[in-house]
Amino acid sequence: MIKEKRTAMILCGGKGTRLGALGNRIPKTLVKIHKKEILWFMINFLKKNNFNHIILPLGYRGNQIRNFINKNKNFDLSIDQVNTGENTKIGLRILKVLKRISSSDVLIINGDSILNFDLNKIFIKHVRNKYDVTFLSNENQYQFGTVCLQGSKIVDFKRNIIFDSVNVRKKKNYIAYNYAGIIIIKTKKLLKHSKIFKKSDNFEKDFYPILIKRYKSNLVKIDGFFHSVDNMKDIYIANHKFSKNIFKNISTIKKKYIKNF
């Protein structure tokens, strides 16, 4: 039997404003990649990594997400679907579902990504090292041209480079890493600072600096597959540039149990 509850909150209530006409018909998390919805991939990914309780703060076209969950009875894990309002800001959506969290540490993840990496290992390390917050970082593609230097010598010119971090202007020895839209955080810290969510226009900008300054934090670079879907180009890339084999071991999920936890 699974020994403990492990909760993940998938942020899926917003409208895909960069998806054009498609975003007017369906929520972004129901966009299909290789004939399967993003949410399907996400739930199976989380299940594979020993999450047994999922919270969905519903918003834009939430009825479509409810219908999707109702049609997929074989997920075989607990899923709480909570109406949080169609135009509600993300922070307030989180606030409205806080009481549904059933584990001492919770994963909060944006509902627009296809992923395949060892999240279970990251979660266990977070708990064992008693981190208050663990941020996950990913590689990204820079769409513009870049002039490449080694020391003071120009050595190359490239477009669409893959990068994971950048030097910050006017900040010596200060490197900024991409944030993957995934965080593991102690539930008590969410509850303690819940007032921030009521008035915040951008909960990440307002809340995360507080976490970093006051509590024990950690950063983990994702070692595996990560692709976020933000626009029509991202959908095209996922459906045409990535082999179906990338998704194979997500598609053939077998029931797992928490071990050594």
C-alpha atoms as a PDB file:
ATOM      1  CA  MET A   1       0.000   0.000   0.000  1.00  0.00           C
ATOM      2  CA  ILE A   2       1.030   3.593  -0.531  1.00  0.00           C
ATOM      3  CA  LYS A   3       2.229   4.742   2.863  1.00  0.00           C
ATOM      4  CA  GLU A   4       1.659   8.472   2.634  1.00  0.00           C
ATOM      5  CA  LYS A   5      -0.338  10.974   0.677  1.00  0.00           C
ATOM      6  CA  ARG A   6       1.628  12.950  -1.872  1.00  0.00           C
ATOM      7  CA  THR A   7      -0.252  15.905  -3.326  1.00  0.00           C
ATOM      8  CA  ALA A   8       0.350  17.723  -6.608  1.00  0.00           C
ATOM      9  CA  MET A   9      -1.519  20.857  -7.634  1.00  0.00           C
ATOM     10  CA  ILE A  10      -1.811  21.365 -11.405  1.00  0.00           C
ATOM     11  CA  LEU A  11      -2.485  25.008 -12.281  1.00  0.00           C
ATOM     12  CA  CYS A  12      -4.970  24.609 -15.120  1.00  0.00           C
ATOM     13  CA  GLY A  13      -7.498  27.434 -14.744  1.00  0.00           C
ATOM     14  CA  GLY A  14      -6.094  30.068 -17.076  1.00  0.00           C
ATOM     15  CA  LYS A  15      -6.890  30.788 -20.703  1.00  0.00           C
ATOM     16  CA  GLY A  16      -4.328  30.034 -23.398  1.00  0.00           C
ATOM     17  CA  THR A  17      -4.214  33.581 -24.740  1.00  0.00           C
ATOM     18  CA  ARG A  18      -1.386  32.798 -27.187  1.00  0.00           C
ATOM     19  CA  LEU A  19      -3.240  29.883 -28.782  1.00  0.00           C
ATOM     20  CA  GLY A  20      -5.549  32.039 -30.893  1.00  0.00           C
ATOM     21  CA  ALA A  21      -8.765  30.377 -32.057  1.00  0.00           C
ATOM     22  CA  LEU A  22      -7.797  27.085 -30.414  1.00  0.00           C
ATOM     23  CA  GLY A  23      -7.555  28.808 -27.037  1.00  0.00           C
ATOM     24  CA  ASN A  24     -11.073  30.146 -27.513  1.00  0.00           C
ATOM     25  CA  ARG A  25     -12.419  26.591 -27.774  1.00  0.00           C
ATOM     26  CA  ILE A  26     -10.527  24.614 -25.142  1.00  0.00           C
ATOM     27  CA  PRO A  27      -8.326  25.194 -22.075  1.00  0.00           C
ATOM     28  CA  LYS A  28      -4.623  24.916 -22.818  1.00  0.00           C
ATOM     29  CA  THR A  29      -4.192  21.836 -20.649  1.00  0.00           C
ATOM     30  CA  LEU A  30      -6.534  19.901 -23.004  1.00  0.00           C
ATOM     31  CA  VAL A  31      -4.488  20.636 -26.134  1.00  0.00           C
ATOM     32  CA  LYS A  32      -3.581  17.308 -27.746  1.00  0.00           C
ATOM     33  CA  ILE A  33      -0.014  16.143 -28.313  1.00  0.00           C
ATOM     34  CA  HIS A  34       0.243  12.913 -30.312  1.00  0.00           C
ATOM     35  CA  LYS A  35      -3.531  12.495 -29.891  1.00  0.00           C
ATOM     36  CA  LYS A  36      -3.395  12.748 -26.082  1.00  0.00           C
ATOM     37  CA  GLU A  37      -4.259  15.759 -23.933  1.00  0.00           C
ATOM     38  CA  ILE A  38      -1.458  17.571 -22.084  1.00  0.00           C
ATOM     39  CA  LEU A  39      -3.336  16.895 -18.842  1.00  0.00           C
ATOM     40  CA  TRP A  40      -3.360  13.178 -19.649  1.00  0.00           C
ATOM     41  CA  PHE A  41       0.430  13.211 -19.930  1.00  0.00           C
ATOM     42  CA  MET A  42       0.781  15.259 -16.748  1.00  0.00           C
ATOM     43  CA  ILE A  43      -1.432  13.067 -14.583  1.00  0.00           C
ATOM     44  CA  ASN A  44       0.278   9.892 -15.769  1.00  0.00           C
ATOM     45  CA  PHE A  45       3.691  11.486 -15.242  1.00  0.00           C
ATOM     46  CA  LEU A  46       2.760  12.399 -11.671  1.00  0.00           C
ATOM     47  CA  LYS A  47       1.296   8.956 -11.029  1.00  0.00           C
ATOM     48  CA  LYS A  48       4.469   7.358 -12.340  1.00  0.00           C
ATOM     49  CA  ASN A  49       6.397   9.466  -9.818  1.00  0.00           C
ATOM     50  CA  ASN A  50       4.285   8.297  -6.864  1.00  0.00           C
ATOM     51  CA  PHE A  51       1.875  11.195  -6.531  1.00  0.00           C
ATOM     52  CA  ASN A  52      -1.471   9.809  -5.435  1.00  0.00           C
ATOM     53  CA  HIS A  53      -3.520  12.965  -4.898  1.00  0.00           C
ATOM     54  CA  ILE A  54      -4.040  15.710  -7.482  1.00  0.00           C
ATOM     55  CA  ILE A  55      -5.772  19.058  -7.078  1.00  0.00           C
ATOM     56  CA  LEU A  56      -7.148  20.851 -10.143  1.00  0.00           C
ATOM     57  CA  PRO A  57      -8.129  24.511  -9.500  1.00  0.00           C
ATOM     58  CA  LEU A  58     -10.617  24.872 -12.353  1.00  0.00           C
ATOM     59  CA  GLY A  59     -11.281  28.123 -14.158  1.00  0.00           C
ATOM     60  CA  TYR A  60     -11.554  28.813 -17.889  1.00  0.00           C
ATOM     61  CA  ARG A  61     -13.779  26.147 -19.485  1.00  0.00           C
ATOM     62  CA  GLY A  62     -13.478  24.071 -16.327  1.00  0.00           C
ATOM     63  CA  ASN A  63     -16.459  21.955 -17.394  1.00  0.00           C
ATOM     64  CA  GLN A  64     -14.358  20.543 -20.231  1.00  0.00           C
ATOM     65  CA  ILE A  65     -11.674  19.478 -17.767  1.00  0.00           C
ATOM     66  CA  ARG A  66     -14.331  17.864 -15.552  1.00  0.00           C
ATOM     67  CA  ASN A  67     -15.659  15.932 -18.543  1.00  0.00           C
ATOM     68  CA  PHE A  68     -12.132  14.825 -19.413  1.00  0.00           C
ATOM     69  CA  ILE A  69     -11.496  13.532 -15.879  1.00  0.00           C
ATOM     70  CA  ASN A  70     -14.871  11.774 -15.776  1.00  0.00           C
ATOM     71  CA  LYS A  71     -14.093   9.975 -19.042  1.00  0.00           C
ATOM     72  CA  ASN A  72     -10.695   8.786 -17.793  1.00  0.00           C
ATOM     73  CA  LYS A  73     -11.639   6.580 -14.864  1.00  0.00           C
ATOM     74  CA  ASN A  74      -8.429   4.554 -15.194  1.00  0.00           C
ATOM     75  CA  PHE A  75      -6.169   7.219 -13.683  1.00  0.00           C
ATOM     76  CA  ASP A  76      -6.619   5.320 -10.401  1.00  0.00           C
ATOM     77  CA  LEU A  77      -5.702   8.132  -8.007  1.00  0.00           C
ATOM     78  CA  SER A  78      -7.549  10.791  -6.037  1.00  0.00           C
ATOM     79  CA  ILE A  79      -8.391  13.938  -8.042  1.00  0.00           C
ATOM     80  CA  ASP A  80     -10.014  16.991  -6.451  1.00  0.00           C
ATOM     81  CA  GLN A  81     -11.611  19.380  -8.948  1.00  0.00           C
ATOM     82  CA  VAL A  82     -12.428  22.771  -7.454  1.00  0.00           C
ATOM     83  CA  ASN A  83     -14.167  25.647  -9.223  1.00  0.00           C
ATOM     84  CA  THR A  84     -12.079  28.757  -8.537  1.00  0.00           C
ATOM     85  CA  GLY A  85     -13.658  31.226 -10.975  1.00  0.00           C
ATOM     86  CA  GLU A  86     -13.106  31.818 -14.668  1.00  0.00           C
ATOM     87  CA  ASN A  87     -11.067  35.037 -14.401  1.00  0.00           C
ATOM     88  CA  THR A  88      -9.443  34.445 -11.014  1.00  0.00           C
ATOM     89  CA  LYS A  89      -5.743  35.237 -10.607  1.00  0.00           C
ATOM     90  CA  ILE A  90      -3.403  32.319  -9.986  1.00  0.00           C
ATOM     91  CA  GLY A  91      -2.605  33.253  -6.399  1.00  0.00           C
ATOM     92  CA  LEU A  92      -6.270  33.362  -5.467  1.00  0.00           C
ATOM     93  CA  ARG A  93      -6.850  29.997  -7.182  1.00  0.00           C
ATOM     94  CA  ILE A  94      -4.154  28.496  -4.962  1.00  0.00           C
ATOM     95  CA  LEU A  95      -5.700  30.113  -1.892  1.00  0.00           C
ATOM     96  CA  LYS A  96      -9.087  28.576  -2.682  1.00  0.00           C
ATOM     97  CA  VAL A  97      -7.703  25.024  -2.725  1.00  0.00           C
ATOM     98  CA  LEU A  98      -5.139  25.179   0.105  1.00  0.00           C
ATOM     99  CA  LYS A  99      -7.348  23.201   2.481  1.00  0.00           C
ATOM    100  CA  ARG A 100      -7.468  20.325  -0.016  1.00  0.00           C
ATOM    101  CA  ILE A 101      -3.727  19.637   0.301  1.00  0.00           C
ATOM    102  CA  SER A 102      -3.245  16.339   2.139  1.00  0.00           C
ATOM    103  CA  SER A 103       0.562  16.100   2.416  1.00  0.00           C
ATOM    104  CA  SER A 104       3.184  18.006   4.397  1.00  0.00           C
ATOM    105  CA  ASP A 105       4.955  18.967   1.165  1.00  0.00           C
ATOM    106  CA  VAL A 106       3.132  19.776  -2.049  1.00  0.00           C
ATOM    107  CA  LEU A 107       4.130  20.053  -5.691  1.00  0.00           C
ATOM    108  CA  ILE A 108       2.741  23.025  -7.619  1.00  0.00           C
ATOM    109  CA  ILE A 109       3.112  22.760 -11.383  1.00  0.00           C
ATOM    110  CA  ASN A 110       1.911  24.704 -14.409  1.00  0.00           C
ATOM    111  CA  GLY A 111      -0.608  22.706 -16.422  1.00  0.00           C
ATOM    112  CA  ASP A 112       0.956  23.173 -19.848  1.00  0.00           C
ATOM    113  CA  SER A 113       3.985  20.873 -19.989  1.00  0.00           C
ATOM    114  CA  ILE A 114       4.963  17.455 -21.292  1.00  0.00           C
ATOM    115  CA  LEU A 115       7.561  15.964 -18.953  1.00  0.00           C
ATOM    116  CA  ASN A 116       9.544  12.821 -18.357  1.00  0.00           C
ATOM    117  CA  PHE A 117      12.213  12.798 -15.638  1.00  0.00           C
ATOM    118  CA  ASP A 118      12.762  11.388 -12.147  1.00  0.00           C
ATOM    119  CA  LEU A 119      10.574  13.710 -10.093  1.00  0.00           C
ATOM    120  CA  ASN A 120      10.217  11.064  -7.386  1.00  0.00           C
ATOM    121  CA  LYS A 121      13.950  11.271  -6.647  1.00  0.00           C
ATOM    122  CA  ILE A 122      13.789  15.074  -6.447  1.00  0.00           C
ATOM    123  CA  PHE A 123      10.794  14.966  -4.114  1.00  0.00           C
ATOM    124  CA  ILE A 124      12.437  12.453  -1.764  1.00  0.00           C
ATOM    125  CA  LYS A 125      15.618  14.561  -1.628  1.00  0.00           C
ATOM    126  CA  HIS A 126      13.529  17.645  -0.844  1.00  0.00           C
ATOM    127  CA  VAL A 127      11.852  15.888   2.093  1.00  0.00           C
ATOM    128  CA  ARG A 128      14.958  14.166   3.457  1.00  0.00           C
ATOM    129  CA  ASN A 129      17.027  17.360   3.390  1.00  0.00           C
ATOM    130  CA  LYS A 130      14.178  19.264   5.023  1.00  0.00           C
ATOM    131  CA  TYR A 131      14.081  21.964   2.367  1.00  0.00           C
ATOM    132  CA  ASP A 132      11.247  24.427   2.720  1.00  0.00           C
ATOM    133  CA  VAL A 133      11.163  24.992  -1.024  1.00  0.00           C
ATOM    134  CA  THR A 134      12.720  23.357  -4.081  1.00  0.00           C
ATOM    135  CA  PHE A 135      12.619  25.144  -7.432  1.00  0.00           C
ATOM    136  CA  LEU A 136      13.008  23.161 -10.655  1.00  0.00           C
ATOM    137  CA  SER A 137      14.936  24.585 -13.586  1.00  0.00           C
ATOM    138  CA  ASN A 138      14.849  23.616 -17.264  1.00  0.00           C
ATOM    139  CA  GLU A 139      16.705  24.268 -20.487  1.00  0.00           C
ATOM    140  CA  ASN A 140      15.123  26.605 -23.008  1.00  0.00           C
ATOM    141  CA  GLN A 141      15.617  27.730 -26.576  1.00  0.00           C
ATOM    142  CA  TYR A 142      16.657  31.295 -27.331  1.00  0.00           C
ATOM    143  CA  GLN A 143      14.943  32.194 -30.596  1.00  0.00           C
ATOM    144  CA  PHE A 144      17.207  35.072 -31.638  1.00  0.00           C
ATOM    145  CA  GLY A 145      20.699  35.185 -33.109  1.00  0.00           C
ATOM    146  CA  THR A 146      23.677  35.081 -30.749  1.00  0.00           C
ATOM    147  CA  VAL A 147      27.307  36.094 -31.250  1.00  0.00           C
ATOM    148  CA  CYS A 148      29.425  33.599 -29.313  1.00  0.00           C
ATOM    149  CA  LEU A 149      32.595  34.561 -27.463  1.00  0.00           C
ATOM    150  CA  GLN A 150      35.371  32.688 -25.694  1.00  0.00           C
ATOM    151  CA  GLY A 151      37.064  35.213 -23.474  1.00  0.00           C
ATOM    152  CA  SER A 152      37.231  38.324 -25.662  1.00  0.00           C
ATOM    153  CA  LYS A 153      37.392  36.420 -28.971  1.00  0.00           C
ATOM    154  CA  ILE A 154      34.363  35.956 -31.235  1.00  0.00           C
ATOM    155  CA  VAL A 155      34.244  32.280 -32.189  1.00  0.00           C
ATOM    156  CA  ASP A 156      30.793  31.631 -33.669  1.00  0.00           C
ATOM    157  CA  PHE A 157      27.303  32.835 -34.560  1.00  0.00           C
ATOM    158  CA  LYS A 158      24.264  30.710 -33.759  1.00  0.00           C
ATOM    159  CA  ARG A 159      20.484  30.889 -33.741  1.00  0.00           C
ATOM    160  CA  ASN A 160      18.094  28.951 -31.513  1.00  0.00           C
ATOM    161  CA  ILE A 161      20.719  28.034 -28.933  1.00  0.00           C
ATOM    162  CA  ILE A 162      19.716  25.908 -25.960  1.00  0.00           C
ATOM    163  CA  PHE A 163      20.480  27.569 -22.626  1.00  0.00           C
ATOM    164  CA  ASP A 164      19.738  26.940 -18.956  1.00  0.00           C
ATOM    165  CA  SER A 165      21.007  30.155 -17.362  1.00  0.00           C
ATOM    166  CA  VAL A 166      22.013  33.731 -18.109  1.00  0.00           C
ATOM    167  CA  ASN A 167      24.381  36.294 -16.633  1.00  0.00           C
ATOM    168  CA  VAL A 168      22.494  39.165 -15.060  1.00  0.00           C
ATOM    169  CA  ARG A 169      23.427  42.672 -16.143  1.00  0.00           C
ATOM    170  CA  LYS A 170      25.283  44.749 -13.521  1.00  0.00           C
ATOM    171  CA  LYS A 171      25.365  41.798 -11.118  1.00  0.00           C
ATOM    172  CA  LYS A 172      28.834  40.293 -10.711  1.00  0.00           C
ATOM    173  CA  ASN A 173      28.908  36.504 -10.276  1.00  0.00           C
ATOM    174  CA  TYR A 174      25.110  36.437 -10.430  1.00  0.00           C
ATOM    175  CA  ILE A 175      23.606  33.731 -12.636  1.00  0.00           C
ATOM    176  CA  ALA A 176      19.864  33.415 -13.228  1.00  0.00           C
ATOM    177  CA  TYR A 177      18.430  29.982 -14.074  1.00  0.00           C
ATOM    178  CA  ASN A 178      15.257  29.292 -16.025  1.00  0.00           C
ATOM    179  CA  TYR A 179      12.280  28.484 -13.817  1.00  0.00           C
ATOM    180  CA  ALA A 180      10.355  25.478 -15.116  1.00  0.00           C
ATOM    181  CA  GLY A 181       7.062  26.422 -13.478  1.00  0.00           C
ATOM    182  CA  ILE A 182       7.483  23.631 -10.927  1.00  0.00           C
ATOM    183  CA  ILE A 183       7.982  24.051  -7.195  1.00  0.00           C
ATOM    184  CA  ILE A 184       7.935  21.733  -4.184  1.00  0.00           C
ATOM    185  CA  ILE A 185       7.039  23.553  -0.996  1.00  0.00           C
ATOM    186  CA  LYS A 186       6.127  22.787   2.584  1.00  0.00           C
ATOM    187  CA  THR A 187       2.380  23.147   2.985  1.00  0.00           C
ATOM    188  CA  LYS A 188       2.863  25.072   6.237  1.00  0.00           C
ATOM    189  CA  LYS A 189       4.721  27.809   4.369  1.00  0.00           C
ATOM    190  CA  LEU A 190       1.850  28.187   1.916  1.00  0.00           C
ATOM    191  CA  LEU A 191      -0.609  28.471   4.774  1.00  0.00           C
ATOM    192  CA  LYS A 192       1.586  30.889   6.719  1.00  0.00           C
ATOM    193  CA  HIS A 193       1.813  33.330   3.810  1.00  0.00           C
ATOM    194  CA  SER A 194      -1.657  32.763   2.368  1.00  0.00           C
ATOM    195  CA  LYS A 195      -2.586  36.449   2.742  1.00  0.00           C
ATOM    196  CA  ILE A 196      -0.204  37.258  -0.106  1.00  0.00           C
ATOM    197  CA  PHE A 197      -2.380  35.288  -2.506  1.00  0.00           C
ATOM    198  CA  LYS A 198      -5.449  37.431  -1.846  1.00  0.00           C
ATOM    199  CA  LYS A 199      -3.984  40.641  -3.238  1.00  0.00           C
ATOM    200  CA  SER A 200      -1.143  39.507  -5.484  1.00  0.00           C
ATOM    201  CA  ASP A 201      -1.239  40.181  -9.222  1.00  0.00           C
ATOM    202  CA  ASN A 202       1.755  37.890  -9.689  1.00  0.00           C
ATOM    203  CA  PHE A 203       2.138  35.381  -6.870  1.00  0.00           C
ATOM    204  CA  GLU A 204       5.532  34.127  -8.110  1.00  0.00           C
ATOM    205  CA  LYS A 205       7.042  37.614  -8.133  1.00  0.00           C
ATOM    206  CA  ASP A 206       5.563  38.512  -4.737  1.00  0.00           C
ATOM    207  CA  PHE A 207       5.911  35.184  -2.915  1.00  0.00           C
ATOM    208  CA  TYR A 208       9.063  33.460  -4.150  1.00  0.00           C
ATOM    209  CA  PRO A 209      11.567  36.153  -3.014  1.00  0.00           C
ATOM    210  CA  ILE A 210      10.106  35.851   0.496  1.00  0.00           C
ATOM    211  CA  LEU A 211      10.604  32.086   0.461  1.00  0.00           C
ATOM    212  CA  ILE A 212      14.210  32.428  -0.704  1.00  0.00           C
ATOM    213  CA  LYS A 213      15.129  35.076   1.873  1.00  0.00           C
ATOM    214  CA  ARG A 214      13.486  33.448   4.889  1.00  0.00           C
ATOM    215  CA  TYR A 215      13.650  29.712   4.373  1.00  0.00           C
ATOM    216  CA  LYS A 216      15.867  26.830   3.323  1.00  0.00           C
ATOM    217  CA  SER A 217      15.640  26.668  -0.457  1.00  0.00           C
ATOM    218  CA  ASN A 218      17.076  24.483  -3.196  1.00  0.00           C
ATOM    219  CA  LEU A 219      17.378  24.511  -6.995  1.00  0.00           C
ATOM    220  CA  VAL A 220      17.355  21.350  -9.122  1.00  0.00           C
ATOM    221  CA  LYS A 221      18.060  21.262 -12.855  1.00  0.00           C
ATOM    222  CA  ILE A 222      15.748  18.858 -14.667  1.00  0.00           C
ATOM    223  CA  ASP A 223      17.640  15.878 -16.058  1.00  0.00           C
ATOM    224  CA  GLY A 224      15.244  14.530 -18.670  1.00  0.00           C
ATOM    225  CA  PHE A 225      12.536  15.644 -21.068  1.00  0.00           C
ATOM    226  CA  PHE A 226      10.650  18.918 -20.623  1.00  0.00           C
ATOM    227  CA  HIS A 227       8.551  20.792 -23.186  1.00  0.00           C
ATOM    228  CA  SER A 228       6.120  23.554 -22.271  1.00  0.00           C
ATOM    229  CA  VAL A 229       3.259  24.496 -24.599  1.00  0.00           C
ATOM    230  CA  ASP A 230       2.699  28.233 -24.732  1.00  0.00           C
ATOM    231  CA  ASN A 231       1.750  28.878 -28.357  1.00  0.00           C
ATOM    232  CA  MET A 232       0.895  27.201 -31.652  1.00  0.00           C
ATOM    233  CA  LYS A 233       4.568  26.784 -32.541  1.00  0.00           C
ATOM    234  CA  ASP A 234       5.139  24.766 -29.360  1.00  0.00           C
ATOM    235  CA  ILE A 235       2.242  22.478 -30.302  1.00  0.00           C
ATOM    236  CA  TYR A 236       3.649  21.981 -33.799  1.00  0.00           C
ATOM    237  CA  ILE A 237       7.113  21.179 -32.439  1.00  0.00           C
ATOM    238  CA  ALA A 238       5.721  18.620 -29.975  1.00  0.00           C
ATOM    239  CA  ASN A 239       3.592  16.904 -32.622  1.00  0.00           C
ATOM    240  CA  HIS A 240       6.048  16.947 -35.523  1.00  0.00           C
ATOM    241  CA  LYS A 241       9.604  17.401 -34.262  1.00  0.00           C
ATOM    242  CA  PHE A 242       9.578  15.035 -31.299  1.00  0.00           C
ATOM    243  CA  SER A 243       9.402  11.307 -31.879  1.00  0.00           C
ATOM    244  CA  LYS A 244       6.516   9.444 -30.284  1.00  0.00           C
ATOM    245  CA  ASN A 245       9.186   7.336 -28.583  1.00  0.00           C
ATOM    246  CA  ILE A 246       9.892  10.276 -26.272  1.00  0.00           C
ATOM    247  CA  PHE A 247       6.439   9.753 -24.805  1.00  0.00           C
ATOM    248  CA  LYS A 248       6.526   5.958 -24.863  1.00  0.00           C
ATOM    249  CA  ASN A 249       7.361   5.326 -21.216  1.00  0.00           C
ATOM    250  CA  ILE A 250       4.836   7.969 -20.183  1.00  0.00           C
ATOM    251  CA  SER A 251       2.164   6.243 -22.257  1.00  0.00           C
ATOM    252  CA  THR A 252       2.753   2.821 -20.709  1.00  0.00           C
ATOM    253  CA  ILE A 253       2.324   3.763 -17.073  1.00  0.00           C
ATOM    254  CA  LYS A 254       2.228   0.957 -14.541  1.00  0.00           C
ATOM    255  CA  LYS A 255       1.012   1.331 -10.997  1.00  0.00           C
ATOM    256  CA  LYS A 256       3.849   2.187  -8.625  1.00  0.00           C
ATOM    257  CA  TYR A 257       4.146   2.459  -4.892  1.00  0.00           C
ATOM    258  CA  ILE A 258       6.243   4.741  -2.759  1.00  0.00           C
ATOM    259  CA  LYS A 259       9.406   2.980  -1.646  1.00  0.00           C
ATOM    260  CA  ASN A 260      11.985   4.050   0.917  1.00  0.00           C
ATOM    261  CA  PHE A 261      10.032   7.169   1.792  1.00  0.00           C
END
